[in-house]
Amino acid sequence: MTDGAKTGQSDSGQRLRILLVASAGGHWIELCRMRRAFVGHDCQYVSTSPGLVAPNGGREVLVIADSSRDTVLTSLRTALGVWRIVRRFKPDLVVSTGAAPGAAALYAAKICGAKTLWIDSIANGDELSLSGQLVRPVANLRLTQSAELAKRSGNIGYFGRVM
C-alpha cells in the first residue's frame, strides 16, 4: 500500500471503496490483521462464516457460500453471490487473502473494472495456492508471504508477512 493508504486516501487523494474477501479461518485472520492499511476507506468485508465482525468499517460482514474445486454447484453459488456483491458495492479495489471465494471475487471485480490484489496465505510457503495461480490473469498485484517463494517464482511479489 502507498503512504496514501495510511492516511485513508488514494494517491489521487480520494477515499477508496474497498471490498475485502476471505474464507473463514486463517484467511480471515490474515485479512483482519491488515486492517490498518484500510483505515479511512469505505470498506466492505465478505466471508464464508456468519457472525464475523468487521475489524473496521461500520458495515456488517456479508456472507457468501464457501466452496472449493471439489464442490462445483457450491462454487457456482459462491460466484453468483460474489458477483451480486461486487455489482452492488461497486468497489475501486478488491483485496483477498484466499481461498476460492476470494478468487471468484477477483474475477468479478476485474469484469466490473476494479483493481485487484491477491495476498496468498502464509500457509502456502512452499508453493503458490491453486487460487493464487488461478487469479494470475486478473490480479493487478499478487503477493506471497514467503520471501523464498517470491524469489523462486519470479512472478509474484513479496512485501513481508501478515502473521
N, C-alpha and C. Protein backbone atom coordinates (compact mmCIF):
# COMPACT_ATOMS: atom_id res chain seq x y z
N MET A 1 0.85 -1.17 0.00
CA MET A 1 0.00 0.00 0.00
C MET A 1 0.90 1.24 0.00
N THR A 2 0.38 2.30 -0.54
CA THR A 2 1.14 3.54 -0.59
C THR A 2 1.00 4.30 0.71
N ASP A 3 1.76 5.39 0.84
CA ASP A 3 1.62 6.24 2.02
C ASP A 3 0.21 6.78 2.13
N GLY A 4 -0.44 6.98 0.97
CA GLY A 4 -1.81 7.47 0.99
C GLY A 4 -2.75 6.53 1.70
N ALA A 5 -2.48 5.22 1.62
CA ALA A 5 -3.35 4.26 2.29
C ALA A 5 -3.30 4.44 3.80
N LYS A 6 -2.17 4.90 4.32
CA LYS A 6 -2.04 5.11 5.75
C LYS A 6 -2.91 6.26 6.22
N THR A 7 -3.18 7.21 5.34
CA THR A 7 -3.99 8.37 5.70
C THR A 7 -5.44 8.21 5.26
N GLY A 8 -5.76 7.08 4.66
CA GLY A 8 -7.12 6.85 4.21
C GLY A 8 -7.42 7.43 2.85
N GLN A 9 -6.40 7.81 2.12
CA GLN A 9 -6.59 8.41 0.80
C GLN A 9 -5.81 7.61 -0.23
N SER A 10 -6.31 7.61 -1.46
CA SER A 10 -5.55 7.00 -2.55
C SER A 10 -4.48 7.99 -2.98
N ASP A 11 -3.65 7.60 -3.93
CA ASP A 11 -2.62 8.51 -4.43
C ASP A 11 -3.23 9.78 -5.00
N SER A 12 -4.45 9.69 -5.51
CA SER A 12 -5.12 10.87 -6.06
C SER A 12 -5.87 11.64 -4.98
N GLY A 13 -5.82 11.18 -3.73
CA GLY A 13 -6.46 11.90 -2.63
C GLY A 13 -7.90 11.50 -2.37
N GLN A 14 -8.42 10.54 -3.08
CA GLN A 14 -9.81 10.15 -2.88
C GLN A 14 -9.93 8.96 -1.94
N ARG A 15 -11.07 8.87 -1.29
CA ARG A 15 -11.38 7.74 -0.43
C ARG A 15 -11.81 6.58 -1.32
N LEU A 16 -11.20 5.43 -1.14
CA LEU A 16 -11.49 4.26 -1.97
C LEU A 16 -12.60 3.40 -1.39
N ARG A 17 -13.35 2.78 -2.27
CA ARG A 17 -14.32 1.74 -1.88
C ARG A 17 -13.58 0.42 -2.04
N ILE A 18 -13.37 -0.27 -0.90
CA ILE A 18 -12.57 -1.49 -0.92
C ILE A 18 -13.41 -2.67 -0.45
N LEU A 19 -13.45 -3.70 -1.27
CA LEU A 19 -14.11 -4.95 -0.93
C LEU A 19 -13.04 -5.91 -0.48
N LEU A 20 -13.16 -6.44 0.73
CA LEU A 20 -12.17 -7.34 1.32
C LEU A 20 -12.81 -8.70 1.51
N VAL A 21 -12.28 -9.72 0.84
CA VAL A 21 -12.92 -11.03 0.78
C VAL A 21 -11.95 -12.12 1.25
N ALA A 22 -12.42 -12.96 2.17
CA ALA A 22 -11.60 -14.08 2.62
C ALA A 22 -12.49 -15.19 3.16
N SER A 23 -12.08 -16.41 2.93
CA SER A 23 -12.76 -17.54 3.55
C SER A 23 -12.53 -17.47 5.06
N ALA A 24 -13.40 -18.13 5.81
CA ALA A 24 -13.28 -18.15 7.27
C ALA A 24 -12.00 -18.86 7.69
N GLY A 25 -11.60 -18.65 8.92
CA GLY A 25 -10.40 -19.31 9.46
C GLY A 25 -9.16 -18.46 9.25
N GLY A 26 -8.07 -19.10 8.87
CA GLY A 26 -6.79 -18.41 8.72
C GLY A 26 -6.80 -17.31 7.69
N HIS A 27 -7.51 -17.51 6.59
CA HIS A 27 -7.59 -16.47 5.55
C HIS A 27 -8.23 -15.20 6.14
N TRP A 28 -9.30 -15.39 6.91
CA TRP A 28 -10.00 -14.26 7.54
C TRP A 28 -9.08 -13.56 8.55
N ILE A 29 -8.40 -14.33 9.36
CA ILE A 29 -7.50 -13.75 10.37
C ILE A 29 -6.42 -12.90 9.69
N GLU A 30 -5.84 -13.40 8.62
CA GLU A 30 -4.82 -12.64 7.91
C GLU A 30 -5.39 -11.34 7.35
N LEU A 31 -6.58 -11.41 6.77
CA LEU A 31 -7.20 -10.20 6.22
C LEU A 31 -7.46 -9.18 7.33
N CYS A 32 -7.94 -9.63 8.46
CA CYS A 32 -8.22 -8.73 9.58
C CYS A 32 -6.94 -8.09 10.13
N ARG A 33 -5.84 -8.79 10.08
CA ARG A 33 -4.57 -8.24 10.58
C ARG A 33 -4.04 -7.11 9.71
N MET A 34 -4.58 -6.96 8.53
CA MET A 34 -4.17 -5.87 7.64
C MET A 34 -5.07 -4.64 7.77
N ARG A 35 -5.95 -4.63 8.73
CA ARG A 35 -6.98 -3.60 8.85
C ARG A 35 -6.44 -2.17 8.83
N ARG A 36 -5.28 -1.94 9.41
CA ARG A 36 -4.73 -0.57 9.45
C ARG A 36 -4.46 -0.01 8.05
N ALA A 37 -4.18 -0.88 7.09
CA ALA A 37 -3.93 -0.42 5.72
C ALA A 37 -5.18 0.16 5.07
N PHE A 38 -6.34 -0.15 5.63
CA PHE A 38 -7.60 0.25 5.00
C PHE A 38 -8.36 1.31 5.79
N VAL A 39 -7.79 1.79 6.89
CA VAL A 39 -8.45 2.80 7.72
C VAL A 39 -8.71 4.04 6.89
N GLY A 40 -9.90 4.59 7.02
CA GLY A 40 -10.27 5.79 6.30
C GLY A 40 -10.92 5.55 4.96
N HIS A 41 -10.87 4.31 4.51
CA HIS A 41 -11.52 3.96 3.25
C HIS A 41 -12.90 3.38 3.54
N ASP A 42 -13.72 3.30 2.53
CA ASP A 42 -15.07 2.74 2.63
C ASP A 42 -14.95 1.23 2.41
N CYS A 43 -14.90 0.47 3.51
CA CYS A 43 -14.63 -0.97 3.44
C CYS A 43 -15.88 -1.82 3.61
N GLN A 44 -15.96 -2.86 2.81
CA GLN A 44 -16.99 -3.88 2.95
C GLN A 44 -16.30 -5.22 3.02
N TYR A 45 -16.47 -5.93 4.14
CA TYR A 45 -15.87 -7.25 4.33
C TYR A 45 -16.86 -8.33 3.92
N VAL A 46 -16.31 -9.41 3.35
CA VAL A 46 -17.11 -10.56 2.91
C VAL A 46 -16.38 -11.82 3.34
N SER A 47 -17.12 -12.78 3.90
CA SER A 47 -16.51 -14.05 4.27
C SER A 47 -17.53 -15.18 4.14
N THR A 48 -17.11 -16.36 4.55
CA THR A 48 -17.93 -17.56 4.37
C THR A 48 -18.55 -18.05 5.67
N SER A 49 -18.41 -17.29 6.73
CA SER A 49 -18.94 -17.72 8.02
C SER A 49 -19.82 -16.64 8.63
N PRO A 50 -21.04 -16.97 9.01
CA PRO A 50 -21.89 -15.97 9.65
C PRO A 50 -21.37 -15.60 11.04
N GLY A 51 -21.67 -14.40 11.47
CA GLY A 51 -21.32 -13.96 12.82
C GLY A 51 -19.96 -13.30 12.95
N LEU A 52 -19.21 -13.16 11.87
CA LEU A 52 -17.91 -12.50 11.95
C LEU A 52 -18.11 -10.99 12.07
N VAL A 53 -17.16 -10.33 12.70
CA VAL A 53 -17.24 -8.88 12.90
C VAL A 53 -16.13 -8.22 12.09
N ALA A 54 -16.50 -7.20 11.34
CA ALA A 54 -15.52 -6.47 10.54
C ALA A 54 -14.55 -5.73 11.46
N PRO A 55 -13.26 -5.80 11.16
CA PRO A 55 -12.28 -5.13 12.01
C PRO A 55 -12.30 -3.61 11.88
N ASN A 56 -12.82 -3.09 10.80
CA ASN A 56 -13.04 -1.66 10.65
C ASN A 56 -14.17 -1.44 9.67
N GLY A 57 -14.77 -0.28 9.74
CA GLY A 57 -15.93 0.00 8.91
C GLY A 57 -17.19 -0.32 9.68
N GLY A 58 -18.25 0.37 9.35
CA GLY A 58 -19.49 0.21 10.08
C GLY A 58 -20.43 -0.84 9.54
N ARG A 59 -20.07 -1.48 8.47
CA ARG A 59 -20.97 -2.45 7.86
C ARG A 59 -20.81 -3.84 8.48
N GLU A 60 -21.90 -4.60 8.42
CA GLU A 60 -21.79 -5.99 8.85
C GLU A 60 -21.07 -6.79 7.76
N VAL A 61 -20.46 -7.88 8.15
CA VAL A 61 -19.75 -8.74 7.21
C VAL A 61 -20.78 -9.49 6.37
N LEU A 62 -20.66 -9.40 5.06
CA LEU A 62 -21.56 -10.14 4.18
C LEU A 62 -21.09 -11.58 4.08
N VAL A 63 -22.04 -12.49 3.99
CA VAL A 63 -21.72 -13.92 3.97
C VAL A 63 -22.02 -14.51 2.60
N ILE A 64 -21.04 -15.25 2.09
CA ILE A 64 -21.21 -15.99 0.85
C ILE A 64 -20.96 -17.47 1.13
N ALA A 65 -21.40 -18.31 0.23
CA ALA A 65 -21.19 -19.76 0.38
C ALA A 65 -19.71 -20.07 0.26
N ASP A 66 -19.24 -21.00 1.08
CA ASP A 66 -17.86 -21.47 0.96
C ASP A 66 -17.82 -22.50 -0.16
N SER A 67 -16.71 -22.57 -0.84
CA SER A 67 -16.61 -23.53 -1.94
C SER A 67 -15.15 -23.90 -2.16
N SER A 68 -14.97 -24.92 -2.96
CA SER A 68 -13.63 -25.35 -3.34
C SER A 68 -13.73 -25.98 -4.72
N ARG A 69 -12.60 -26.41 -5.24
CA ARG A 69 -12.61 -27.02 -6.57
C ARG A 69 -13.40 -28.32 -6.61
N ASP A 70 -13.66 -28.90 -5.45
CA ASP A 70 -14.39 -30.16 -5.38
C ASP A 70 -15.90 -29.99 -5.28
N THR A 71 -16.36 -28.75 -5.17
CA THR A 71 -17.79 -28.50 -4.99
C THR A 71 -18.29 -27.58 -6.09
N VAL A 72 -18.55 -28.15 -7.25
CA VAL A 72 -18.89 -27.36 -8.43
C VAL A 72 -20.18 -26.55 -8.23
N LEU A 73 -21.24 -27.18 -7.74
CA LEU A 73 -22.50 -26.45 -7.57
C LEU A 73 -22.38 -25.34 -6.53
N THR A 74 -21.69 -25.62 -5.44
CA THR A 74 -21.48 -24.59 -4.43
C THR A 74 -20.59 -23.49 -4.98
N SER A 75 -19.63 -23.84 -5.80
CA SER A 75 -18.76 -22.83 -6.43
C SER A 75 -19.57 -21.87 -7.29
N LEU A 76 -20.56 -22.39 -7.97
CA LEU A 76 -21.44 -21.53 -8.78
C LEU A 76 -22.25 -20.59 -7.89
N ARG A 77 -22.75 -21.10 -6.77
CA ARG A 77 -23.47 -20.25 -5.81
C ARG A 77 -22.56 -19.17 -5.25
N THR A 78 -21.33 -19.54 -4.94
CA THR A 78 -20.35 -18.58 -4.44
C THR A 78 -20.09 -17.49 -5.47
N ALA A 79 -19.84 -17.90 -6.70
CA ALA A 79 -19.55 -16.94 -7.77
C ALA A 79 -20.72 -15.99 -7.98
N LEU A 80 -21.93 -16.51 -7.96
CA LEU A 80 -23.11 -15.66 -8.13
C LEU A 80 -23.24 -14.69 -6.95
N GLY A 81 -23.03 -15.16 -5.74
CA GLY A 81 -23.10 -14.30 -4.56
C GLY A 81 -22.06 -13.19 -4.61
N VAL A 82 -20.85 -13.54 -4.99
CA VAL A 82 -19.78 -12.55 -5.11
C VAL A 82 -20.11 -11.54 -6.21
N TRP A 83 -20.60 -12.04 -7.33
CA TRP A 83 -20.97 -11.16 -8.44
C TRP A 83 -21.99 -10.11 -7.98
N ARG A 84 -23.01 -10.55 -7.26
CA ARG A 84 -24.04 -9.61 -6.77
C ARG A 84 -23.44 -8.56 -5.84
N ILE A 85 -22.56 -8.99 -4.96
CA ILE A 85 -21.93 -8.06 -4.02
C ILE A 85 -21.07 -7.04 -4.76
N VAL A 86 -20.28 -7.50 -5.70
CA VAL A 86 -19.41 -6.59 -6.47
C VAL A 86 -20.26 -5.59 -7.25
N ARG A 87 -21.30 -6.06 -7.88
CA ARG A 87 -22.18 -5.16 -8.67
C ARG A 87 -22.86 -4.13 -7.77
N ARG A 88 -23.27 -4.55 -6.58
CA ARG A 88 -23.97 -3.65 -5.65
C ARG A 88 -23.00 -2.65 -5.00
N PHE A 89 -21.85 -3.13 -4.54
CA PHE A 89 -20.91 -2.28 -3.80
C PHE A 89 -20.09 -1.38 -4.71
N LYS A 90 -19.81 -1.83 -5.93
CA LYS A 90 -19.02 -1.08 -6.90
C LYS A 90 -17.65 -0.65 -6.33
N PRO A 91 -16.82 -1.62 -5.98
CA PRO A 91 -15.53 -1.28 -5.37
C PRO A 91 -14.53 -0.70 -6.37
N ASP A 92 -13.62 0.09 -5.83
CA ASP A 92 -12.47 0.56 -6.60
C ASP A 92 -11.37 -0.50 -6.56
N LEU A 93 -11.33 -1.24 -5.45
CA LEU A 93 -10.29 -2.23 -5.21
C LEU A 93 -10.89 -3.44 -4.50
N VAL A 94 -10.50 -4.64 -4.92
CA VAL A 94 -10.89 -5.87 -4.24
C VAL A 94 -9.60 -6.55 -3.76
N VAL A 95 -9.59 -6.87 -2.46
CA VAL A 95 -8.43 -7.50 -1.82
C VAL A 95 -8.86 -8.85 -1.27
N SER A 96 -8.04 -9.88 -1.48
CA SER A 96 -8.34 -11.18 -0.90
C SER A 96 -7.08 -11.88 -0.44
N THR A 97 -7.22 -12.60 0.67
CA THR A 97 -6.17 -13.49 1.16
C THR A 97 -6.53 -14.94 0.84
N GLY A 98 -7.61 -15.18 0.14
CA GLY A 98 -7.98 -16.53 -0.28
C GLY A 98 -9.27 -16.99 0.38
N ALA A 99 -9.73 -18.07 0.06
CA ALA A 99 -9.32 -19.07 -0.90
C ALA A 99 -10.22 -18.94 -2.14
N ALA A 100 -10.93 -20.01 -2.53
CA ALA A 100 -11.73 -19.99 -3.76
C ALA A 100 -12.72 -18.83 -3.82
N PRO A 101 -13.45 -18.50 -2.74
CA PRO A 101 -14.36 -17.35 -2.82
C PRO A 101 -13.63 -16.04 -3.12
N GLY A 102 -12.43 -15.89 -2.61
CA GLY A 102 -11.64 -14.70 -2.90
C GLY A 102 -11.23 -14.65 -4.36
N ALA A 103 -10.89 -15.79 -4.93
CA ALA A 103 -10.55 -15.85 -6.35
C ALA A 103 -11.75 -15.45 -7.20
N ALA A 104 -12.92 -15.95 -6.84
CA ALA A 104 -14.14 -15.57 -7.57
C ALA A 104 -14.36 -14.06 -7.49
N ALA A 105 -14.08 -13.47 -6.34
CA ALA A 105 -14.24 -12.03 -6.16
C ALA A 105 -13.31 -11.25 -7.08
N LEU A 106 -12.08 -11.71 -7.25
CA LEU A 106 -11.15 -11.00 -8.13
C LEU A 106 -11.61 -11.05 -9.58
N TYR A 107 -12.16 -12.18 -10.00
CA TYR A 107 -12.68 -12.27 -11.36
C TYR A 107 -13.87 -11.34 -11.56
N ALA A 108 -14.79 -11.33 -10.61
CA ALA A 108 -15.95 -10.43 -10.71
C ALA A 108 -15.50 -8.98 -10.72
N ALA A 109 -14.54 -8.66 -9.88
CA ALA A 109 -14.03 -7.29 -9.81
C ALA A 109 -13.41 -6.84 -11.12
N LYS A 110 -12.62 -7.72 -11.71
CA LYS A 110 -11.96 -7.37 -12.96
C LYS A 110 -12.98 -7.11 -14.06
N ILE A 111 -14.03 -7.93 -14.12
CA ILE A 111 -15.09 -7.73 -15.11
C ILE A 111 -15.74 -6.37 -14.92
N CYS A 112 -15.86 -5.93 -13.67
CA CYS A 112 -16.51 -4.65 -13.36
C CYS A 112 -15.55 -3.47 -13.36
N GLY A 113 -14.28 -3.70 -13.67
CA GLY A 113 -13.33 -2.60 -13.80
C GLY A 113 -12.59 -2.19 -12.54
N ALA A 114 -12.69 -2.97 -11.47
CA ALA A 114 -11.98 -2.65 -10.23
C ALA A 114 -10.55 -3.18 -10.27
N LYS A 115 -9.68 -2.58 -9.51
CA LYS A 115 -8.32 -3.07 -9.32
C LYS A 115 -8.38 -4.26 -8.36
N THR A 116 -7.40 -5.15 -8.46
CA THR A 116 -7.42 -6.37 -7.65
C THR A 116 -6.07 -6.65 -7.02
N LEU A 117 -6.11 -7.16 -5.79
CA LEU A 117 -4.92 -7.52 -5.04
C LEU A 117 -5.13 -8.88 -4.39
N TRP A 118 -4.23 -9.81 -4.69
CA TRP A 118 -4.27 -11.16 -4.11
C TRP A 118 -3.08 -11.31 -3.18
N ILE A 119 -3.32 -11.71 -1.94
CA ILE A 119 -2.26 -11.97 -0.98
C ILE A 119 -2.37 -13.43 -0.57
N ASP A 120 -1.44 -14.24 -1.04
CA ASP A 120 -1.51 -15.67 -0.75
C ASP A 120 -1.26 -15.92 0.73
N SER A 121 -1.94 -16.88 1.28
CA SER A 121 -1.86 -17.20 2.70
C SER A 121 -0.45 -17.62 3.11
N ILE A 122 -0.12 -17.34 4.35
CA ILE A 122 1.16 -17.76 4.92
C ILE A 122 1.29 -19.28 4.90
N ALA A 123 0.16 -19.98 4.86
CA ALA A 123 0.17 -21.44 4.84
C ALA A 123 0.78 -21.97 3.54
N ASN A 124 0.89 -21.12 2.53
CA ASN A 124 1.42 -21.53 1.23
C ASN A 124 2.84 -21.02 1.05
N GLY A 125 3.75 -21.51 1.87
CA GLY A 125 5.13 -21.06 1.82
C GLY A 125 5.99 -21.81 0.81
N ASP A 126 5.58 -23.04 0.48
CA ASP A 126 6.38 -23.85 -0.45
C ASP A 126 5.98 -23.65 -1.90
N GLU A 127 4.70 -23.43 -2.12
CA GLU A 127 4.21 -23.18 -3.47
C GLU A 127 2.96 -22.31 -3.40
N LEU A 128 2.69 -21.61 -4.47
CA LEU A 128 1.52 -20.75 -4.55
C LEU A 128 0.25 -21.60 -4.53
N SER A 129 -0.75 -21.13 -3.83
CA SER A 129 -2.02 -21.87 -3.77
C SER A 129 -2.63 -21.99 -5.16
N LEU A 130 -3.54 -22.94 -5.33
CA LEU A 130 -4.23 -23.09 -6.61
C LEU A 130 -4.99 -21.81 -6.93
N SER A 131 -5.69 -21.24 -5.94
CA SER A 131 -6.41 -20.00 -6.18
C SER A 131 -5.45 -18.88 -6.56
N GLY A 132 -4.31 -18.82 -5.91
CA GLY A 132 -3.30 -17.82 -6.25
C GLY A 132 -2.79 -17.96 -7.68
N GLN A 133 -2.72 -19.18 -8.15
CA GLN A 133 -2.33 -19.43 -9.54
C GLN A 133 -3.45 -19.03 -10.49
N LEU A 134 -4.69 -19.34 -10.10
CA LEU A 134 -5.83 -19.07 -10.98
C LEU A 134 -6.13 -17.59 -11.16
N VAL A 135 -5.76 -16.77 -10.20
CA VAL A 135 -6.06 -15.33 -10.31
C VAL A 135 -4.99 -14.56 -11.10
N ARG A 136 -3.96 -15.24 -11.52
CA ARG A 136 -2.88 -14.55 -12.25
C ARG A 136 -3.38 -13.65 -13.38
N PRO A 137 -4.32 -14.11 -14.21
CA PRO A 137 -4.76 -13.25 -15.32
C PRO A 137 -5.54 -12.00 -14.88
N VAL A 138 -6.08 -12.00 -13.67
CA VAL A 138 -6.93 -10.87 -13.27
C VAL A 138 -6.40 -10.06 -12.10
N ALA A 139 -5.35 -10.52 -11.45
CA ALA A 139 -4.82 -9.79 -10.30
C ALA A 139 -3.87 -8.70 -10.78
N ASN A 140 -4.15 -7.47 -10.37
CA ASN A 140 -3.22 -6.38 -10.67
C ASN A 140 -1.92 -6.57 -9.90
N LEU A 141 -2.04 -7.16 -8.72
CA LEU A 141 -0.87 -7.44 -7.91
C LEU A 141 -1.11 -8.74 -7.15
N ARG A 142 -0.14 -9.65 -7.23
CA ARG A 142 -0.18 -10.89 -6.45
C ARG A 142 1.01 -10.89 -5.52
N LEU A 143 0.73 -11.18 -4.25
CA LEU A 143 1.79 -11.20 -3.24
C LEU A 143 1.82 -12.54 -2.53
N THR A 144 3.00 -12.93 -2.11
CA THR A 144 3.19 -14.08 -1.25
C THR A 144 3.75 -13.59 0.07
N GLN A 145 3.58 -14.37 1.11
CA GLN A 145 4.16 -14.05 2.41
C GLN A 145 5.45 -14.82 2.63
N SER A 146 5.97 -15.42 1.57
CA SER A 146 7.20 -16.20 1.63
C SER A 146 8.25 -15.57 0.72
N ALA A 147 9.30 -15.03 1.31
CA ALA A 147 10.36 -14.42 0.51
C ALA A 147 11.00 -15.44 -0.43
N GLU A 148 11.16 -16.66 0.06
CA GLU A 148 11.77 -17.73 -0.74
C GLU A 148 10.90 -18.06 -1.95
N LEU A 149 9.60 -18.18 -1.76
CA LEU A 149 8.69 -18.47 -2.87
C LEU A 149 8.72 -17.34 -3.89
N ALA A 150 8.76 -16.11 -3.45
CA ALA A 150 8.83 -14.98 -4.37
C ALA A 150 10.10 -15.04 -5.21
N LYS A 151 11.21 -15.38 -4.58
CA LYS A 151 12.49 -15.49 -5.31
C LYS A 151 12.42 -16.59 -6.35
N ARG A 152 11.86 -17.74 -5.97
CA ARG A 152 11.80 -18.89 -6.88
C ARG A 152 10.85 -18.65 -8.04
N SER A 153 9.70 -18.06 -7.78
CA SER A 153 8.69 -17.95 -8.83
C SER A 153 8.98 -16.80 -9.79
N GLY A 154 9.47 -15.69 -9.28
CA GLY A 154 9.78 -14.56 -10.14
C GLY A 154 8.58 -13.79 -10.66
N ASN A 155 7.38 -14.28 -10.47
CA ASN A 155 6.21 -13.56 -10.98
C ASN A 155 5.19 -13.24 -9.89
N ILE A 156 5.67 -13.15 -8.66
CA ILE A 156 4.82 -12.79 -7.54
C ILE A 156 5.66 -11.95 -6.58
N GLY A 157 5.04 -10.92 -6.01
CA GLY A 157 5.77 -10.02 -5.14
C GLY A 157 5.80 -10.47 -3.70
N TYR A 158 6.71 -9.85 -2.95
CA TYR A 158 6.83 -10.12 -1.51
C TYR A 158 7.12 -8.80 -0.81
N PHE A 159 6.27 -8.44 0.17
CA PHE A 159 6.48 -7.23 0.95
C PHE A 159 6.54 -7.54 2.44
N GLY A 160 6.56 -8.81 2.81
CA GLY A 160 6.60 -9.20 4.21
C GLY A 160 5.46 -10.13 4.55
N ARG A 161 5.37 -10.43 5.86
CA ARG A 161 4.35 -11.37 6.34
C ARG A 161 3.26 -10.63 7.09
N VAL A 162 2.06 -11.17 7.01
CA VAL A 162 0.94 -10.65 7.78
C VAL A 162 0.95 -11.27 9.17
N MET A 163 1.24 -12.55 9.25
CA MET A 163 1.22 -13.27 10.53
C MET A 163 2.55 -13.17 11.22
